[in-house]
Structures are given as C-alpha cells and as structure tokens.
C-alpha cells in the first residue's frame, strides 16, 4: 500500500505505513505460531481399546 502524505516539515508518512503493516503481519504470525505451539504441546488423550462384537 502506497500512501504518501507530507507533514508541515515535508517528511513523508510512507515509511511509517510500511512499518505499521510489517509490524501487524509479524504480530499475526507470532499469534499463529503461538497457537500452533500450544496445540502441539497438549498431551494426547489416552486411547482405550474399542469394544468389538464377536459373532457366535
């Protein structure tokens, strides 16, 4: 996204917008990684053998 605005000193805001979007995408990525790590760290439920009918 390219939005160029100049303030009273003539400085561009484009760099700030790029930093904002990079920061926002990094935060989203870290949240996703944290959620996946938490999911993988959970112990698996203990599986019990299934009951099966025996034909007479």
Protein backbone atom coordinates (compact mmCIF):
# COMPACT_ATOMS: atom_id res chain seq x y z
CA UNK A 1 0.00 0.00 0.00
CA UNK A 2 1.46 3.31 -1.00
CA UNK A 3 0.10 6.43 0.60
CA UNK A 4 2.31 9.46 0.57
CA UNK A 5 1.44 12.38 2.80
CA UNK A 6 3.78 15.11 3.81
CA UNK A 7 3.57 16.91 7.09
CA UNK A 8 4.39 20.57 7.66
CA UNK A 9 8.13 19.76 7.77
CA UNK A 10 7.93 17.98 4.39
CA UNK A 11 8.51 14.49 5.80
CA UNK A 12 6.84 11.52 4.16
CA UNK A 13 4.49 9.16 6.02
CA UNK A 14 5.08 6.27 3.61
CA UNK A 15 7.76 4.68 5.76
CA UNK A 16 5.52 4.75 8.83
CA UNK A 17 2.74 2.97 6.96
CA UNK A 18 5.14 0.28 5.77
CA UNK A 19 6.38 -0.23 9.33
CA UNK A 20 2.80 -0.46 10.58
CA UNK A 21 1.87 -3.20 8.10
CA UNK A 22 5.08 -5.14 8.71
CA UNK A 23 4.50 -4.95 12.46
CA UNK A 24 0.87 -6.02 12.11
CA UNK A 25 1.81 -9.01 9.95
CA UNK A 26 4.56 -10.04 12.38
CA UNK A 27 2.11 -9.91 15.28
CA UNK A 28 -0.36 -12.08 13.35
CA UNK A 29 2.40 -14.55 12.50
CA UNK A 30 3.57 -14.76 16.13
CA UNK A 31 -0.01 -15.35 17.29
CA UNK A 32 -0.38 -18.18 14.79
CA UNK A 33 2.93 -19.75 15.81
CA UNK A 34 1.97 -19.49 19.48
CA UNK A 35 -1.39 -21.14 18.88
CA UNK A 36 0.20 -23.99 16.91
CA UNK A 37 2.87 -24.47 19.59
CA UNK A 38 0.19 -24.63 22.28
CA UNK A 39 -1.76 -27.15 20.24
CA UNK A 40 1.31 -29.35 19.78
CA UNK A 41 2.28 -29.11 23.46
CA UNK A 42 -1.01 -30.57 24.68
CA UNK A 43 -0.70 -34.20 25.72
CA UNK A 44 -2.59 -36.63 23.53
CA UNK A 45 -5.66 -38.18 25.12
CA UNK A 46 -5.14 -41.74 26.31
CA UNK A 47 -6.77 -44.09 23.85
CA UNK A 48 -8.65 -47.10 25.14
CA UNK A 49 -9.31 -50.22 23.11
CA UNK A 50 -12.65 -50.28 21.34
CA UNK A 51 -15.16 -52.99 22.16
CA UNK A 52 -15.92 -55.26 19.22
CA UNK A 53 -18.79 -57.71 18.94
CA UNK A 54 -17.80 -61.32 18.49
CA UNK A 55 -20.02 -63.37 16.20
CA UNK A 56 -21.21 -66.63 17.75
